[in-house]
Protein backbone atom coordinates (compact mmCIF):
# COMPACT_ATOMS: atom_id res chain seq x y z
CA MET A 1 2.14 -8.92 1.29
CA VAL A 2 3.19 -10.37 -2.03
CA LYS A 3 5.26 -8.21 -4.31
CA PRO A 4 4.99 -9.38 -8.17
CA ASN A 5 8.57 -10.51 -8.77
CA PHE A 6 7.57 -12.84 -11.74
CA ILE A 7 4.81 -12.72 -14.23
CA TYR A 8 3.26 -16.16 -12.88
CA ILE A 9 3.20 -14.61 -9.33
CA ALA A 10 1.81 -11.29 -10.60
CA ALA A 11 -0.86 -12.76 -12.84
CA ILE A 12 -2.09 -15.71 -10.56
CA VAL A 13 -0.91 -15.18 -6.76
CA ALA A 14 -2.29 -11.93 -5.47
CA ILE A 15 -2.75 -12.03 -1.77
CA ILE A 16 -5.25 -10.25 0.78
CA GLY A 17 -8.63 -10.29 2.15
CA ALA A 18 -10.91 -9.84 5.45
CA LEU A 19 -13.80 -10.77 7.44
CA PRO A 20 -15.84 -8.63 9.66
CA PHE A 21 -14.64 -7.85 13.32
CA TYR A 22 -16.10 -6.00 16.25
CA PHE A 23 -14.18 -3.41 18.12
CA SER A 24 -14.77 0.40 18.89
CA ILE A 25 -12.03 3.15 18.56
CA LYS A 26 -12.33 6.44 20.47
CA ASN A 27 -10.34 9.37 19.65
CA SER A 28 -7.66 9.98 22.56
CA SER A 29 -7.02 13.35 21.08
CA SER A 30 -8.73 15.91 19.11
CA ALA A 31 -5.70 18.19 18.61
CA PRO A 32 -4.55 18.31 14.99
CA THR A 33 -1.60 16.29 13.98
CA ALA A 34 1.38 17.53 11.80
CA GLU A 35 1.82 15.76 8.48
CA TYR A 36 4.04 12.69 9.15
CA ILE A 37 5.05 9.28 7.58
CA SER A 38 4.38 5.86 9.10
CA ILE A 39 7.20 3.58 8.50
CA THR A 40 7.44 -0.26 9.03
CA TYR A 41 10.87 -1.41 9.44
CA SER A 42 12.41 -4.99 10.03
CA ASP A 43 15.55 -6.08 11.43
CA TYR A 44 17.07 -8.32 14.00
CA ASN A 45 15.89 -7.89 17.47
CA THR A 46 17.17 -4.72 19.08
CA ASP A 47 18.78 -6.40 22.26
CA ASN A 48 20.97 -8.75 20.09
CA THR A 49 20.20 -11.77 22.19
CA SER A 50 18.78 -13.92 19.52
CA ASP A 51 18.61 -14.32 15.79
CA LYS A 52 14.88 -13.37 15.93
CA ILE A 53 13.74 -10.60 13.58
CA THR A 54 11.33 -7.96 14.85
CA THR A 55 9.47 -5.26 13.11
CA GLN A 56 9.26 -1.51 14.26
CA ILE A 57 6.75 0.96 13.53
CA LEU A 58 8.40 4.22 13.22
CA THR A 59 7.12 7.94 12.76
CA LEU A 60 8.80 10.59 10.77
CA ASP A 61 7.61 14.10 11.23
CA CYS A 62 7.68 15.72 7.90
CA PRO A 63 8.28 19.37 9.16
CA SER A 64 11.28 18.35 11.58
CA LYS A 65 12.33 15.01 9.84
CA GLU A 66 12.50 13.70 13.47
CA ILE A 67 12.11 9.95 13.57
CA LYS A 68 10.66 8.15 16.60
CA LYS A 69 10.09 4.54 17.29
CA VAL A 70 6.53 3.89 18.34
CA PHE A 71 5.87 0.21 18.66
CA GLU A 72 7.73 -3.32 17.99
CA PHE A 73 6.39 -6.51 17.26
CA ASP A 74 7.66 -10.06 16.11
CA TYR A 75 8.24 -10.72 12.56
CA THR A 76 5.83 -13.44 11.96
CA SER A 77 3.81 -12.52 8.82
CA GLN A 78 4.88 -13.28 5.15
CA TYR A 79 5.40 -9.54 4.71
CA PRO A 80 4.87 -7.37 7.80
CA LEU A 81 2.70 -4.18 7.30
CA GLY A 82 2.04 -1.54 9.89
CA TYR A 83 0.13 1.85 10.15
CA CYS A 84 0.57 4.46 13.20
CA ASP A 85 -2.46 6.65 13.76
CA LYS A 86 -0.97 9.30 15.92
CA LYS A 87 -4.19 11.10 16.34
CA ASP A 88 -6.04 8.21 18.08
CA GLN A 89 -2.75 6.67 19.48
CA LEU A 90 -3.25 3.48 17.61
CA VAL A 91 -0.83 1.15 15.51
CA TYR A 92 -2.17 -1.42 13.23
CA PHE A 93 -0.06 -4.43 12.24
CA THR A 94 -0.03 -8.00 10.84
CA LYS A 95 0.69 -11.11 12.71
CA ARG A 96 0.49 -14.86 11.29
CA ILE A 97 -2.02 -16.82 12.99
CA GLY A 98 -2.54 -20.66 12.51
CA ASP A 99 -0.61 -23.85 11.90
CA ASP A 100 1.57 -24.88 8.80
CA GLN A 101 -1.53 -26.36 7.02
CA ASN A 102 -4.16 -23.56 7.89
CA TYR A 103 -2.34 -20.02 8.30
CA GLY A 104 -2.90 -16.49 7.51
CA ASP A 105 -1.69 -12.90 8.23
CA GLN A 106 -4.29 -11.20 10.39
CA ILE A 107 -4.87 -7.40 11.14
CA PHE A 108 -4.20 -6.45 14.75
CA VAL A 109 -4.47 -3.28 16.49
CA SER A 110 -2.58 -1.80 19.64
CA ASN A 111 -3.47 0.95 21.89
CA LEU A 112 -0.23 3.03 22.37
CA LEU A 113 -1.55 4.34 25.71
CA ASP A 114 -2.82 1.30 27.50
CA LYS A 115 -0.89 -1.35 25.31
CA LYS A 116 -3.99 -3.23 24.88
CA GLU A 117 -3.74 -5.57 21.60
CA THR A 118 -6.85 -6.68 19.56
CA GLN A 119 -7.06 -9.18 16.72
CA LEU A 120 -9.27 -7.50 14.23
CA THR A 121 -9.58 -10.23 11.44
CA TYR A 122 -9.62 -13.99 11.31
CA ASP A 123 -9.69 -15.31 8.03
CA LEU A 124 -7.09 -13.60 5.80
CA PHE A 125 -4.34 -15.10 3.76
CA ALA A 126 -2.16 -11.90 3.71
CA VAL A 127 -2.43 -8.14 3.71
CA ASN A 128 -1.27 -5.45 1.40
CA TYR A 129 -2.54 -2.32 2.51
CA ILE A 130 -4.00 -0.87 5.89
CA ILE A 131 -4.91 2.72 5.71
CA SER A 132 -6.85 4.48 8.72
CA THR A 133 -9.02 7.52 8.35
CA GLN A 134 -11.05 9.54 10.83
CA GLN A 135 -14.42 7.55 9.84
CA LYS A 136 -13.11 4.22 8.44
CA ILE A 137 -10.25 1.84 8.10
CA PHE A 138 -9.39 0.76 4.46
CA PHE A 139 -7.75 -2.18 3.60
CA ALA A 140 -6.79 -4.53 0.67
CA ALA A 141 -7.05 -8.17 1.43
CA ARG A 142 -7.79 -11.77 0.13
CA PRO A 143 -10.16 -13.81 1.98
CA LYS A 144 -9.18 -17.48 2.20
CA GLY A 145 -10.97 -19.49 -0.69
CA SER A 146 -10.84 -16.19 -2.89
CA GLN A 147 -8.39 -15.63 -5.76
CA VAL A 148 -8.57 -11.78 -5.74
CA ILE A 149 -7.36 -8.90 -3.59
CA LYS A 150 -10.29 -7.12 -2.35
CA LEU A 151 -10.88 -3.68 -1.36
CA GLY A 152 -12.67 -3.31 2.14
CA SER A 153 -13.55 -0.85 4.66
CA ILE A 154 -14.53 -1.08 8.25
CA ASP A 155 -16.79 1.74 9.95
CA LYS A 156 -15.08 2.68 13.12
CA LYS A 157 -18.52 3.53 14.82
CA THR A 158 -20.48 0.58 13.78
CA ASN A 159 -17.64 -1.96 13.00
CA GLU A 160 -19.59 -2.84 9.70
CA ILE A 161 -17.39 -4.25 7.02
CA SER A 162 -17.96 -3.41 3.27
CA TYR A 163 -16.28 -4.63 0.25
CA TRP A 164 -15.99 -3.25 -3.39
CA GLY A 165 -15.62 -5.38 -6.42
CA ASP A 166 -16.13 -8.97 -7.56
CA GLU A 167 -14.55 -12.23 -7.73
CA ASP A 168 -12.61 -11.46 -10.88
CA THR A 169 -11.41 -8.00 -10.04
CA ASN A 170 -8.16 -7.79 -8.52
CA ILE A 171 -6.70 -4.79 -6.70
CA GLU A 172 -3.27 -3.85 -7.60
CA ALA A 173 -2.78 -0.72 -6.11
CA MET A 174 -4.56 1.85 -4.15
CA VAL A 175 -4.38 5.34 -2.33
CA VAL A 176 -6.92 7.05 -0.01
CA ASP A 177 -7.50 10.92 -0.11
CA SER A 178 -8.46 11.58 3.42
CA ILE A 179 -9.10 15.26 2.72
CA ASN A 180 -11.53 14.82 -0.10
CA LYS A 181 -12.79 11.34 1.24
CA LYS A 182 -11.95 9.36 -1.99
CA VAL A 183 -10.52 6.10 -2.47
CA PHE A 184 -8.31 5.33 -5.73
CA ILE A 185 -7.78 1.75 -6.95
CA ALA A 186 -5.90 0.14 -9.96
CA THR A 187 -7.35 -3.10 -10.81
CA TYR A 188 -7.20 -5.95 -13.59
CA SER A 189 -9.20 -9.08 -14.40
CA MET A 190 -7.74 -12.18 -13.00
CA LYS A 191 -9.26 -14.13 -15.98
CA GLU A 192 -7.57 -12.00 -18.51
CA ALA A 193 -4.40 -12.21 -16.68
CA ARG A 194 -4.53 -16.06 -16.71
CA TYR A 195 -5.45 -16.19 -20.30
CA ASN A 196 -2.38 -13.93 -21.25
CA VAL A 197 -0.15 -16.18 -19.35
CA MET A 198 -1.24 -19.14 -21.13
CA HIS A 199 -1.21 -17.60 -24.64
CA GLN A 200 1.96 -16.03 -25.06
CA ASP A 201 2.84 -15.39 -28.69
CA GLY A 202 6.41 -15.12 -30.02
CA PRO A 203 9.71 -16.91 -29.75
CA ALA A 204 9.93 -19.59 -26.87
CA GLY A 205 12.09 -18.46 -23.78
CA GLN A 206 11.22 -14.68 -24.22
CA ASP A 207 8.94 -12.63 -22.29
CA ASN A 208 5.97 -12.29 -24.56
CA PHE A 209 3.50 -11.73 -21.69
CA VAL A 210 0.73 -9.10 -22.62
CA MET A 211 -0.01 -7.03 -19.71
CA PRO A 212 -3.65 -7.24 -18.72
CA LEU A 213 -5.97 -4.23 -19.00
CA HIS A 214 -5.50 -2.11 -15.88
CA THR A 215 -8.22 0.28 -14.81
CA VAL A 216 -8.17 2.89 -12.29
CA PHE A 217 -11.31 3.74 -10.37
CA GLN A 218 -12.41 6.61 -7.91
CA THR A 219 -14.95 5.55 -5.46
CA ASP A 220 -16.28 7.28 -2.25
CA TYR A 221 -15.93 6.05 1.43
CA ASP A 222 -19.26 4.18 1.16
CA PHE A 223 -18.21 2.56 -2.28
CA THR A 224 -21.66 3.87 -3.66
CA ASN A 225 -20.42 6.23 -6.28
CA THR A 226 -17.57 4.73 -8.46
CA VAL A 227 -16.31 6.38 -11.52
CA LYS A 228 -13.82 4.94 -14.12
CA LEU A 229 -10.83 7.38 -14.61
CA PHE A 230 -8.90 5.72 -17.33
CA ASP A 231 -7.33 2.27 -18.32
CA GLU A 232 -4.28 1.00 -20.12
CA HIS A 233 -2.41 -2.04 -20.96
CA LEU A 234 0.34 -1.30 -18.54
CA TRP A 235 1.04 -2.39 -14.92
CA VAL A 236 -0.39 0.45 -12.76
CA ARG A 237 1.89 -0.15 -9.80
CA THR A 238 1.72 2.90 -7.77
CA LEU A 239 -1.09 5.65 -7.22
CA MET A 240 -0.53 9.05 -5.63
CA THR A 241 -2.63 12.12 -5.24
CA ASP A 242 -1.99 15.67 -4.76
CA GLY A 243 -5.51 16.66 -4.04
CA ASN A 244 -5.89 18.18 -7.63
CA ASN A 245 -4.75 15.11 -9.62
CA LEU A 246 -4.44 11.61 -9.46
CA VAL A 247 -0.94 10.26 -10.47
CA ALA A 248 -0.14 6.70 -11.72
CA LEU A 249 3.10 5.39 -12.04
CA CYS A 250 2.92 2.49 -14.85
CA ASP A 251 5.15 -0.11 -16.44
CA ARG A 252 5.12 -1.95 -19.55
CA LYS A 253 6.47 -5.20 -17.79
CA TYR A 254 6.68 -6.33 -14.19
CA ASN A 255 9.79 -5.16 -12.30
CA ASP A 256 11.59 -3.86 -15.35
CA ALA A 257 14.10 -1.31 -14.31
CA THR A 258 15.73 -0.92 -17.64
CA THR A 259 12.95 1.40 -18.96
CA PRO A 260 11.40 4.33 -17.16
CA SER A 261 7.86 4.27 -15.75
CA MET A 262 5.24 6.26 -17.62
CA VAL A 263 3.48 8.86 -15.27
CA PHE A 264 -0.32 9.21 -15.99
CA CYS A 265 -1.99 12.28 -14.51
CA TYR A 266 -5.73 12.52 -14.35
CA ASN A 267 -6.87 15.95 -13.39
CA PHE A 268 -10.08 16.20 -11.17
CA THR A 269 -11.36 19.41 -12.87
CA SER A 270 -10.76 18.85 -16.37
CA LYS A 271 -11.13 15.12 -16.20
CA LYS A 272 -8.42 14.82 -18.69
CA VAL A 273 -5.26 12.53 -18.71
CA SER A 274 -1.73 13.47 -19.56
CA LYS A 275 1.25 11.21 -19.62
CA LYS A 276 5.07 11.56 -19.47
CA PRO A 277 8.19 9.40 -18.71
CA TRP A 278 9.09 9.38 -15.07
CA GLU A 279 12.35 11.35 -15.17
CA SER A 280 13.81 10.46 -11.67
CA ALA A 281 15.07 7.57 -9.72
CA ARG A 282 12.60 4.64 -9.83
CA LEU A 283 10.14 4.42 -7.11
CA GLN A 284 9.41 1.01 -5.26
CA VAL A 285 5.75 -0.48 -5.97
CA GLY A 286 3.20 1.31 -4.06
CA ASP A 287 3.16 3.39 -0.83
CA ALA A 288 4.48 6.66 -2.34
CA ASN A 289 2.54 9.70 -2.27
CA TYR A 290 2.57 13.56 -2.27
CA SER A 291 2.93 15.81 0.54
CA ALA A 292 -0.15 18.10 1.61
CA ASP A 293 1.10 20.89 -0.36
CA GLY A 294 1.94 18.73 -3.43
CA LYS A 295 5.53 19.93 -3.66
CA LYS A 296 7.15 16.89 -2.34
CA ILE A 297 6.60 13.28 -2.96
CA TYR A 298 7.95 10.59 -0.41
CA ALA A 299 8.68 7.36 -1.58
CA ILE A 300 10.95 4.13 -0.99
CA SER A 301 13.56 4.04 -3.66
CA THR A 302 17.11 2.65 -4.28
CA ILE A 303 19.56 5.61 -5.13
CA ASP A 304 23.31 4.98 -5.52
CA GLU A 305 22.74 1.35 -4.25
CA LYS A 306 21.16 2.56 -1.22
CA ARG A 307 17.61 1.48 -0.47
CA GLY A 308 15.46 3.76 1.91
CA LEU A 309 12.95 6.43 2.25
CA TYR A 310 13.48 9.55 0.09
CA GLU A 311 11.94 13.18 -0.26
CA TYR A 312 11.48 14.29 -4.00
CA ASP A 313 11.22 17.95 -4.87
CA THR A 314 8.37 17.90 -7.58
CA ASP A 315 10.06 20.87 -9.33
CA THR A 316 13.72 20.03 -9.41
CA LEU A 317 13.31 16.39 -8.82
CA LYS A 318 16.06 16.42 -6.27
CA GLN A 319 16.14 13.36 -4.01
CA THR A 320 16.92 14.04 -0.14
CA PRO A 321 17.55 10.87 2.05
CA LEU A 322 15.04 10.70 5.12
CA PHE A 323 15.73 7.23 6.37
CA VAL A 324 18.24 4.97 4.70
CA PRO A 325 19.12 2.07 7.20
CA GLU A 326 22.33 0.43 6.87
CA LYS A 327 20.87 -2.97 7.71
CA GLY A 328 17.16 -4.15 8.03
CA PHE A 329 14.55 -3.40 5.61
CA ILE A 330 11.73 -0.81 5.05
CA ASN A 331 8.66 -2.90 4.54
CA ASN A 332 6.18 0.04 3.77
CA ILE A 333 5.22 3.67 4.45
CA GLN A 334 2.22 5.63 4.41
CA ILE A 335 2.08 9.33 4.34
CA ILE A 336 -0.53 10.74 6.83
CA LYS A 337 -1.70 14.26 5.86
């Protein structure tokens, strides 16, 4: 995964993609699973025998706040990602495959019961999102040879892979509503981004980059019914949903912590958009989402110079630390409702 640290990176580099793969998943349990958070966390190997960095997939049970380690793998990809599917007892993760001239981060799945590991993709450059639902696996990926991050899905029964979008539409952020079976994506045109990079007006040496138009779409699991919700010349860097609204955190510039993010709220019933400043600590790009009851937001943030996973009360905006490691790095989280 590549986080946009500079304008040129954000406008030109975007990474991700995937090719079809063939495997089948059988539910190992039909019992309901309590709301939890899948955490991908990297640190030096736990036995302290070498300088090797490993990545762990942890789960945090939201009702009890209990954290468990469920899986560990070598840190080989550019930016390790993971996703724990407790219901099916599977973990998805990324691993670098190939030599120095021809490599990519591929998606793997491991069965927590029999420890069987399967490579799922073979032609990716890197991976930004992996989200499993009961019917499908959704991902954001850039196939080798493409210049855009694509939204894709894999049917768990047929293993059929489908894509949404075209070769100019770049996926910036996404979130899946597994209850209402909707996928929300924030996109922008790569052609417009490149043009804006090359045609910056104003004094030399200053940031005069005009943010490309970001458009937020809603689509169904089959990508057959797509609706544009709103668009803005702002960086739509995080999408969240509480079931009744889609909430987007937007910035005027990339990675500018000096000004608060704007919150755009699209109501599914009224189909109207409201906006206001984000009034709490800044959330990291992507990954944040609401609890099932909409009363909390779980997000990666840095508070009092301590980076970690925090719980935000949506009424009081009080932040409660859930997992703030003294060392290592939280790569990503996913809230599973």
